[in-house]
């Protein structure tokens, strides 16, 4: 899985009918969020299968918590730069 491109991982993940632990682990390693969510450069939560930005109040608690943690890390890195 590690050698799959993001597009290949998204395509494979969207075609399965049940939760796939391998995809989840690889996606989390790349984005520190559950599949298929990630933050964009502006800190927005993106659902990569639907290719749309979600507002914080549209996400479940776990995704929101992951996003908030990443945003905090990003803000620390900006301050340290």
N, C-alpha and C. Protein backbone atom coordinates (compact mmCIF):
# COMPACT_ATOMS: atom_id res chain seq x y z
N UNK A 1 0.81 -1.20 0.00
CA UNK A 1 0.00 0.00 0.00
C UNK A 1 0.85 1.26 0.00
N UNK A 2 2.01 1.20 0.62
CA UNK A 2 2.83 2.40 0.75
C UNK A 2 3.29 2.93 -0.60
N UNK A 3 3.36 2.06 -1.61
CA UNK A 3 3.81 2.52 -2.91
C UNK A 3 2.66 2.99 -3.80
N UNK A 4 1.43 2.96 -3.29
CA UNK A 4 0.28 3.44 -4.05
C UNK A 4 0.23 4.97 -4.00
N UNK A 5 -0.16 5.57 -5.12
CA UNK A 5 -0.35 7.02 -5.12
C UNK A 5 -1.63 7.34 -4.34
N UNK A 6 -1.80 8.61 -3.99
CA UNK A 6 -3.03 9.01 -3.30
C UNK A 6 -4.26 8.66 -4.12
N UNK A 7 -4.21 8.91 -5.43
CA UNK A 7 -5.36 8.60 -6.29
C UNK A 7 -5.67 7.11 -6.30
N UNK A 8 -4.63 6.27 -6.36
CA UNK A 8 -4.84 4.83 -6.34
C UNK A 8 -5.44 4.38 -5.01
N UNK A 9 -4.94 4.94 -3.93
CA UNK A 9 -5.46 4.61 -2.60
C UNK A 9 -6.92 5.03 -2.47
N UNK A 10 -7.25 6.22 -2.95
CA UNK A 10 -8.65 6.69 -2.91
C UNK A 10 -9.55 5.81 -3.75
N UNK A 11 -9.10 5.45 -4.95
CA UNK A 11 -9.92 4.61 -5.83
C UNK A 11 -10.16 3.25 -5.19
N UNK A 12 -9.10 2.65 -4.69
CA UNK A 12 -9.22 1.35 -4.05
C UNK A 12 -10.13 1.43 -2.82
N UNK A 13 -9.93 2.45 -2.02
CA UNK A 13 -10.72 2.61 -0.80
C UNK A 13 -12.18 2.87 -1.07
N UNK A 14 -12.49 3.57 -2.15
CA UNK A 14 -13.89 3.88 -2.45
C UNK A 14 -14.62 2.69 -3.05
N UNK A 15 -13.88 1.71 -3.54
CA UNK A 15 -14.49 0.53 -4.16
C UNK A 15 -14.79 -0.59 -3.18
N UNK A 16 -14.22 -0.54 -2.00
CA UNK A 16 -14.48 -1.61 -1.04
C UNK A 16 -15.81 -1.36 -0.34
N UNK A 17 -16.42 -2.42 0.13
CA UNK A 17 -17.73 -2.28 0.76
C UNK A 17 -17.66 -2.33 2.28
N UNK A 18 -16.50 -2.59 2.82
CA UNK A 18 -16.36 -2.61 4.27
C UNK A 18 -15.07 -1.90 4.66
N UNK A 19 -14.97 -1.57 5.93
CA UNK A 19 -13.78 -0.88 6.44
C UNK A 19 -12.55 -1.74 6.19
N UNK A 20 -11.53 -1.16 5.61
CA UNK A 20 -10.31 -1.89 5.33
C UNK A 20 -9.19 -1.34 6.19
N UNK A 21 -8.71 -2.15 7.09
CA UNK A 21 -7.70 -1.72 8.05
C UNK A 21 -6.39 -1.31 7.38
N UNK A 22 -6.03 -1.96 6.29
CA UNK A 22 -4.79 -1.63 5.60
C UNK A 22 -4.86 -0.22 5.01
N UNK A 23 -5.97 0.08 4.36
CA UNK A 23 -6.15 1.42 3.79
C UNK A 23 -6.17 2.46 4.90
N UNK A 24 -6.90 2.17 5.97
CA UNK A 24 -6.98 3.11 7.08
C UNK A 24 -5.61 3.42 7.65
N UNK A 25 -4.79 2.40 7.86
CA UNK A 25 -3.46 2.60 8.43
C UNK A 25 -2.57 3.43 7.50
N UNK A 26 -2.61 3.12 6.21
CA UNK A 26 -1.79 3.86 5.26
C UNK A 26 -2.24 5.31 5.15
N UNK A 27 -3.55 5.55 5.09
CA UNK A 27 -4.08 6.91 5.00
C UNK A 27 -3.71 7.70 6.25
N UNK A 28 -3.87 7.08 7.42
CA UNK A 28 -3.56 7.76 8.67
C UNK A 28 -2.07 8.11 8.74
N UNK A 29 -1.23 7.21 8.25
CA UNK A 29 0.20 7.47 8.24
C UNK A 29 0.51 8.70 7.38
N UNK A 30 -0.22 8.88 6.31
CA UNK A 30 0.01 10.01 5.40
C UNK A 30 -0.60 11.31 5.91
N UNK A 31 -1.80 11.23 6.48
CA UNK A 31 -2.58 12.45 6.77
C UNK A 31 -2.96 12.64 8.24
N UNK A 32 -2.70 11.66 9.10
CA UNK A 32 -3.05 11.71 10.52
C UNK A 32 -4.55 11.93 10.74
N UNK A 33 -5.34 11.48 9.77
CA UNK A 33 -6.81 11.51 9.88
C UNK A 33 -7.35 10.20 9.30
N UNK A 34 -8.56 9.86 9.70
CA UNK A 34 -9.19 8.66 9.17
C UNK A 34 -9.53 8.82 7.70
N UNK A 35 -9.45 7.71 6.97
CA UNK A 35 -9.80 7.66 5.56
C UNK A 35 -11.25 8.06 5.37
N UNK A 36 -11.60 8.90 4.44
CA UNK A 36 -10.84 9.57 3.39
C UNK A 36 -10.65 11.06 3.67
N UNK A 37 -10.47 11.42 4.93
CA UNK A 37 -10.37 12.84 5.31
C UNK A 37 -8.91 13.28 5.40
N UNK A 38 -8.69 14.57 5.11
CA UNK A 38 -7.38 15.19 5.28
C UNK A 38 -7.59 16.70 5.35
N UNK A 39 -6.60 17.39 5.85
CA UNK A 39 -6.66 18.84 5.84
C UNK A 39 -6.00 19.37 4.58
N UNK A 40 -6.56 20.45 4.03
CA UNK A 40 -5.89 21.12 2.92
C UNK A 40 -4.91 22.13 3.49
N UNK A 41 -4.27 22.89 2.63
CA UNK A 41 -3.24 23.84 3.08
C UNK A 41 -3.80 24.96 3.93
N UNK A 42 -5.10 25.19 3.84
CA UNK A 42 -5.73 26.26 4.64
C UNK A 42 -6.35 25.73 5.92
N UNK A 43 -6.20 24.43 6.19
CA UNK A 43 -6.73 23.84 7.42
C UNK A 43 -8.18 23.39 7.31
N UNK A 44 -8.73 23.35 6.09
CA UNK A 44 -10.09 22.86 5.88
C UNK A 44 -10.11 21.34 5.85
N UNK A 45 -11.18 20.75 6.34
CA UNK A 45 -11.34 19.31 6.29
C UNK A 45 -11.88 18.94 4.91
N UNK A 46 -11.16 18.06 4.22
CA UNK A 46 -11.54 17.65 2.88
C UNK A 46 -11.92 16.17 2.90
N UNK A 47 -13.07 15.85 2.31
CA UNK A 47 -13.48 14.46 2.09
C UNK A 47 -13.00 14.12 0.69
N UNK A 48 -11.97 13.30 0.58
CA UNK A 48 -11.30 13.10 -0.70
C UNK A 48 -12.06 12.21 -1.67
N UNK A 49 -12.96 11.39 -1.23
CA UNK A 49 -13.75 10.61 -2.19
C UNK A 49 -14.81 11.49 -2.83
N UNK A 50 -15.47 12.30 -2.02
CA UNK A 50 -16.49 13.21 -2.56
C UNK A 50 -15.87 14.48 -3.12
N UNK A 51 -14.57 14.69 -2.86
CA UNK A 51 -13.84 15.86 -3.32
C UNK A 51 -14.53 17.16 -2.91
N UNK A 52 -14.80 17.27 -1.61
CA UNK A 52 -15.45 18.47 -1.11
C UNK A 52 -14.90 18.85 0.26
N UNK A 53 -15.02 20.14 0.56
CA UNK A 53 -14.62 20.65 1.86
C UNK A 53 -15.82 20.57 2.79
N UNK A 54 -15.59 20.09 4.00
CA UNK A 54 -16.63 20.00 5.01
C UNK A 54 -16.39 21.03 6.10
N UNK A 55 -17.45 21.60 6.59
CA UNK A 55 -17.36 22.49 7.73
C UNK A 55 -17.19 21.64 8.99
N UNK A 56 -16.59 22.22 10.01
CA UNK A 56 -16.35 21.47 11.24
C UNK A 56 -17.63 20.85 11.80
N UNK A 57 -18.74 21.58 11.75
CA UNK A 57 -19.98 21.06 12.32
C UNK A 57 -20.62 19.97 11.47
N UNK A 58 -20.05 19.66 10.31
CA UNK A 58 -20.55 18.58 9.46
C UNK A 58 -19.82 17.26 9.72
N UNK A 59 -18.79 17.30 10.55
CA UNK A 59 -17.95 16.13 10.79
C UNK A 59 -18.27 15.48 12.13
N UNK A 60 -18.00 14.19 12.21
CA UNK A 60 -18.20 13.53 13.50
C UNK A 60 -17.08 13.92 14.46
N UNK A 61 -17.23 13.55 15.71
CA UNK A 61 -16.32 13.99 16.77
C UNK A 61 -14.88 13.56 16.53
N UNK A 62 -14.68 12.33 16.06
CA UNK A 62 -13.32 11.83 15.86
C UNK A 62 -12.60 12.61 14.76
N UNK A 63 -13.26 12.83 13.64
CA UNK A 63 -12.65 13.58 12.54
C UNK A 63 -12.35 15.00 12.97
N UNK A 64 -13.28 15.62 13.66
CA UNK A 64 -13.07 16.98 14.14
C UNK A 64 -11.89 17.04 15.12
N UNK A 65 -11.78 16.07 16.01
CA UNK A 65 -10.67 16.03 16.96
C UNK A 65 -9.34 15.89 16.22
N UNK A 66 -9.30 15.02 15.23
CA UNK A 66 -8.08 14.85 14.45
C UNK A 66 -7.71 16.15 13.74
N UNK A 67 -8.71 16.81 13.16
CA UNK A 67 -8.47 18.07 12.45
C UNK A 67 -7.96 19.15 13.41
N UNK A 68 -8.57 19.24 14.57
CA UNK A 68 -8.14 20.24 15.55
C UNK A 68 -6.70 19.99 16.00
N UNK A 69 -6.35 18.73 16.21
CA UNK A 69 -4.97 18.39 16.59
C UNK A 69 -3.98 18.78 15.50
N UNK A 70 -4.33 18.51 14.25
CA UNK A 70 -3.46 18.86 13.14
C UNK A 70 -3.33 20.37 12.98
N UNK A 71 -4.44 21.07 13.14
CA UNK A 71 -4.39 22.54 13.05
C UNK A 71 -3.49 23.11 14.13
N UNK A 72 -3.57 22.53 15.32
CA UNK A 72 -2.72 23.00 16.43
C UNK A 72 -1.24 22.76 16.10
N UNK A 73 -0.94 21.58 15.55
CA UNK A 73 0.44 21.28 15.15
C UNK A 73 0.92 22.25 14.08
N UNK A 74 0.06 22.52 13.11
CA UNK A 74 0.42 23.45 12.03
C UNK A 74 0.69 24.84 12.57
N UNK A 75 -0.13 25.29 13.51
CA UNK A 75 0.07 26.64 14.06
C UNK A 75 1.37 26.70 14.87
N UNK A 76 1.73 25.62 15.57
CA UNK A 76 2.99 25.58 16.29
C UNK A 76 4.17 25.65 15.34
N UNK A 77 4.06 24.93 14.20
CA UNK A 77 5.14 24.94 13.22
C UNK A 77 5.33 26.29 12.59
N UNK A 78 4.23 27.02 12.39
CA UNK A 78 4.31 28.37 11.81
C UNK A 78 5.01 29.30 12.78
N UNK A 79 4.67 29.20 14.06
CA UNK A 79 5.27 30.06 15.09
C UNK A 79 6.76 29.76 15.21
N UNK A 80 7.14 28.50 15.13
CA UNK A 80 8.54 28.11 15.27
C UNK A 80 9.38 28.45 14.05
N UNK A 81 8.75 28.64 12.91
CA UNK A 81 9.49 28.92 11.67
C UNK A 81 10.11 30.28 11.64
